C-alpha cells in the first residue's frame, strides 16, 4: 500500500509539472520580445546558465554527501 501512495504522488507531481511548464510557455508567448530572435536567444542563454548553476550546486551537494572532494 505504501508503494502505491509513492507512485501516485510521483504521478501527480509529473502531471503538475507538465501543467506548470505549459502555463509558463503560454505566458512567455504573450510577451512580444520573447517572439523575436533576440528573445529566443536570450531565453536560451538564461536557461543554459540556470541549468549550469543548478548542476554545479547539485554536484557539490552529492560530492559532500558521498565524501568526495572536488579535485579542481
C-alpha atoms as a PDB file:
ATOM      1  CA  UNK A   1       0.000   0.000   0.000  1.00  0.00           C
ATOM      2  CA  UNK A   2       2.872   2.383   0.787  1.00  0.00           C
ATOM      3  CA  UNK A   3       4.460   1.998  -2.666  1.00  0.00           C
ATOM      4  CA  UNK A   4       1.062   2.717  -4.253  1.00  0.00           C
ATOM      5  CA  UNK A   5       0.949   6.077  -2.455  1.00  0.00           C
ATOM      6  CA  UNK A   6       4.501   6.873  -3.554  1.00  0.00           C
ATOM      7  CA  UNK A   7       3.738   6.056  -7.203  1.00  0.00           C
ATOM      8  CA  UNK A   8       0.519   8.097  -7.049  1.00  0.00           C
ATOM      9  CA  UNK A   9       2.392  11.031  -5.511  1.00  0.00           C
ATOM     10  CA  UNK A  10       5.091  10.883  -8.188  1.00  0.00           C
ATOM     11  CA  UNK A  11       2.480  10.688 -10.940  1.00  0.00           C
ATOM     12  CA  UNK A  12       0.686  13.738  -9.544  1.00  0.00           C
ATOM     13  CA  UNK A  13       3.995  15.604  -9.344  1.00  0.00           C
ATOM     14  CA  UNK A  14       4.727  14.818 -13.006  1.00  0.00           C
ATOM     15  CA  UNK A  15       1.234  15.946 -14.025  1.00  0.00           C
ATOM     16  CA  UNK A  16       1.599  19.165 -12.054  1.00  0.00           C
ATOM     17  CA  UNK A  17       4.990  19.907 -13.612  1.00  0.00           C
ATOM     18  CA  UNK A  18       3.559  19.442 -17.125  1.00  0.00           C
ATOM     19  CA  UNK A  19       0.743  21.889 -16.364  1.00  0.00           C
ATOM     20  CA  UNK A  20       3.164  24.415 -14.870  1.00  0.00           C
ATOM     21  CA  UNK A  21       5.537  24.094 -17.849  1.00  0.00           C
ATOM     22  CA  UNK A  22       2.664  24.586 -20.317  1.00  0.00           C
ATOM     23  CA  UNK A  23       1.391  27.637 -18.436  1.00  0.00           C
ATOM     24  CA  UNK A  24       4.811  29.276 -18.312  1.00  0.00           C
ATOM     25  CA  UNK A  25       5.304  28.559 -22.023  1.00  0.00           C
ATOM     26  CA  UNK A  26       1.994  30.199 -22.919  1.00  0.00           C
ATOM     27  CA  UNK A  27       2.654  33.200 -20.674  1.00  0.00           C
ATOM     28  CA  UNK A  28       6.056  33.746 -22.285  1.00  0.00           C
ATOM     29  CA  UNK A  29       4.411  33.584 -25.726  1.00  0.00           C
ATOM     30  CA  UNK A  30       2.322  36.610 -24.739  1.00  0.00           C
ATOM     31  CA  UNK A  31       5.429  38.749 -24.197  1.00  0.00           C
ATOM     32  CA  UNK A  32       6.210  40.339 -27.578  1.00  0.00           C
ATOM     33  CA  UNK A  33      10.010  40.363 -27.142  1.00  0.00           C
ATOM     34  CA  UNK A  34      10.010  36.609 -26.498  1.00  0.00           C
ATOM     35  CA  UNK A  35       8.776  36.030 -30.053  1.00  0.00           C
ATOM     36  CA  UNK A  36      11.708  37.918 -31.559  1.00  0.00           C
ATOM     37  CA  UNK A  37      15.035  36.273 -32.365  1.00  0.00           C
ATOM     38  CA  UNK A  38      16.672  38.263 -29.558  1.00  0.00           C
ATOM     39  CA  UNK A  39      14.140  36.962 -27.032  1.00  0.00           C
ATOM     40  CA  UNK A  40      14.643  33.374 -28.133  1.00  0.00           C
ATOM     41  CA  UNK A  41      18.427  33.627 -27.851  1.00  0.00           C
ATOM     42  CA  UNK A  42      18.214  35.440 -24.511  1.00  0.00           C
ATOM     43  CA  UNK A  43      15.866  32.750 -23.207  1.00  0.00           C
ATOM     44  CA  UNK A  44      18.215  30.005 -24.375  1.00  0.00           C
ATOM     45  CA  UNK A  45      21.257  31.637 -22.765  1.00  0.00           C
ATOM     46  CA  UNK A  46      19.415  32.212 -19.476  1.00  0.00           C
ATOM     47  CA  UNK A  47      18.167  28.624 -19.468  1.00  0.00           C
ATOM     48  CA  UNK A  48      21.639  27.208 -20.065  1.00  0.00           C
ATOM     49  CA  UNK A  49      23.123  29.453 -17.364  1.00  0.00           C
ATOM     50  CA  UNK A  50      20.471  28.426 -14.819  1.00  0.00           C
ATOM     51  CA  UNK A  51      20.948  24.756 -15.715  1.00  0.00           C
ATOM     52  CA  UNK A  52      24.733  25.018 -15.274  1.00  0.00           C
ATOM     53  CA  UNK A  53      24.379  26.730 -11.900  1.00  0.00           C
ATOM     54  CA  UNK A  54      21.933  24.090 -10.680  1.00  0.00           C
ATOM     55  CA  UNK A  55      24.133  21.222 -11.921  1.00  0.00           C
ATOM     56  CA  UNK A  56      27.185  22.666 -10.157  1.00  0.00           C
ATOM     57  CA  UNK A  57      25.153  23.078  -6.953  1.00  0.00           C
ATOM     58  CA  UNK A  58      23.776  19.541  -7.139  1.00  0.00           C
ATOM     59  CA  UNK A  59      27.188  18.080  -7.958  1.00  0.00           C
ATOM     60  CA  UNK A  60      28.711  19.838  -4.955  1.00  0.00           C
ATOM     61  CA  UNK A  61      25.925  18.558  -2.715  1.00  0.00           C
ATOM     62  CA  UNK A  62      26.307  14.982  -3.956  1.00  0.00           C
ATOM     63  CA  UNK A  63      30.088  15.122  -3.529  1.00  0.00           C
ATOM     64  CA  UNK A  64      29.778  16.291   0.083  1.00  0.00           C
ATOM     65  CA  UNK A  65      27.206  13.578   0.847  1.00  0.00           C
ATOM     66  CA  UNK A  66      29.395  10.823  -0.638  1.00  0.00           C
ATOM     67  CA  UNK A  67      32.596  12.115   0.962  1.00  0.00           C
ATOM     68  CA  UNK A  68      34.256  13.006  -2.346  1.00  0.00           C
ATOM     69  CA  UNK A  69      36.129  16.267  -2.588  1.00  0.00           C
ATOM     70  CA  UNK A  70      36.376  18.495  -5.660  1.00  0.00           C
ATOM     71  CA  UNK A  71      39.665  17.898  -7.454  1.00  0.00           C
ATOM     72  CA  UNK A  72      39.545  21.273  -9.206  1.00  0.00           C
END
